[in-house]
Amino acid sequence: MRYIKRFILFFLIIVALIFALQNYDIVTISFLKWQKDLSLTLTIVLTYILGAISGGLLFSMFKSLVKSGKKKT
């Protein structure tokens, strides 16, 4: 099982590297009056990280609401 996990990890790293090498184009990110030129790969990675953080925060808030609702009943 350990070798299967290592193979999957190695495969995902190779796929991520291929993705990064093929998407090195520069894109302009605009937010309100702020503009920044970043590589497409970096933009996608940062968006993924922000989504993971916000999703984790929402999940933990929902979980605490459910726990507090169960304690009241």
Protein backbone atom coordinates (compact mmCIF):
# COMPACT_ATOMS: atom_id res chain seq x y z
CA MET A 1 0.00 0.00 0.00
CA ARG A 2 2.89 2.33 0.77
CA TYR A 3 4.24 1.94 -2.76
CA ILE A 4 0.87 2.73 -4.28
CA LYS A 5 0.66 5.97 -2.27
CA ARG A 6 4.18 6.93 -3.32
CA PHE A 7 3.39 6.20 -6.95
CA ILE A 8 0.23 8.33 -6.81
CA LEU A 9 2.15 11.17 -5.13
CA PHE A 10 4.92 10.94 -7.73
CA PHE A 11 2.34 10.92 -10.53
CA LEU A 12 0.57 14.00 -9.14
CA ILE A 13 3.87 15.86 -8.80
CA ILE A 14 4.75 15.05 -12.42
CA VAL A 15 1.30 16.19 -13.60
CA ALA A 16 1.64 19.43 -11.60
CA LEU A 17 5.08 20.10 -13.10
CA ILE A 18 3.81 19.50 -16.63
CA PHE A 19 0.88 21.81 -15.91
CA ALA A 20 3.18 24.51 -14.59
CA LEU A 21 5.52 24.28 -17.57
CA GLN A 22 2.68 24.49 -20.08
CA ASN A 23 0.88 27.41 -18.40
CA TYR A 24 3.60 29.96 -17.81
CA ASP A 25 1.74 32.71 -19.70
CA ILE A 26 1.36 36.03 -17.93
CA VAL A 27 -2.18 37.13 -17.10
CA THR A 28 -3.44 40.37 -15.54
CA ILE A 29 -5.43 40.01 -12.34
CA SER A 30 -7.73 42.93 -11.51
CA PHE A 31 -9.46 43.56 -8.20
CA LEU A 32 -11.17 46.92 -7.71
CA LYS A 33 -8.42 49.39 -8.72
CA TRP A 34 -5.58 46.96 -8.06
CA GLN A 35 -3.93 45.17 -11.00
CA LYS A 36 -1.12 42.64 -10.97
CA ASP A 37 0.58 40.61 -13.69
CA LEU A 38 1.11 37.00 -12.59
CA SER A 39 1.75 33.71 -14.30
CA LEU A 40 -1.33 31.63 -15.01
CA THR A 41 0.01 28.74 -12.90
CA LEU A 42 0.59 30.98 -9.89
CA THR A 43 -2.88 32.48 -10.28
CA ILE A 44 -4.51 29.05 -10.31
CA VAL A 45 -2.48 27.85 -7.31
CA LEU A 46 -3.30 30.97 -5.27
CA THR A 47 -6.98 30.66 -6.16
CA TYR A 48 -6.94 27.01 -5.08
CA ILE A 49 -5.28 27.89 -1.76
CA LEU A 50 -7.74 30.70 -1.06
CA GLY A 51 -10.63 28.38 -1.89
CA ALA A 52 -9.28 25.67 0.41
CA ILE A 53 -8.86 28.14 3.27
CA SER A 54 -12.32 29.67 2.84
CA GLY A 55 -13.91 26.23 2.44
CA GLY A 56 -12.20 25.00 5.59
CA LEU A 57 -13.35 28.04 7.53
CA LEU A 58 -16.94 27.63 6.34
CA PHE A 59 -16.88 23.93 7.17
CA SER A 60 -15.57 24.58 10.69
CA MET A 61 -18.18 27.29 11.25
CA PHE A 62 -20.95 24.97 10.07
CA LYS A 63 -19.61 22.15 12.24
CA SER A 64 -19.57 24.37 15.34
CA LEU A 65 -23.13 25.52 14.61
CA VAL A 66 -24.31 21.92 14.37
CA LYS A 67 -22.54 21.02 17.63
CA SER A 68 -24.05 24.00 19.46
CA GLY A 69 -27.50 23.09 18.10
CA LYS A 70 -27.19 19.52 19.40
CA LYS A 71 -26.16 20.72 22.88
CA LYS A 72 -29.33 22.84 23.21
CA THR A 73 -31.68 19.93 22.58
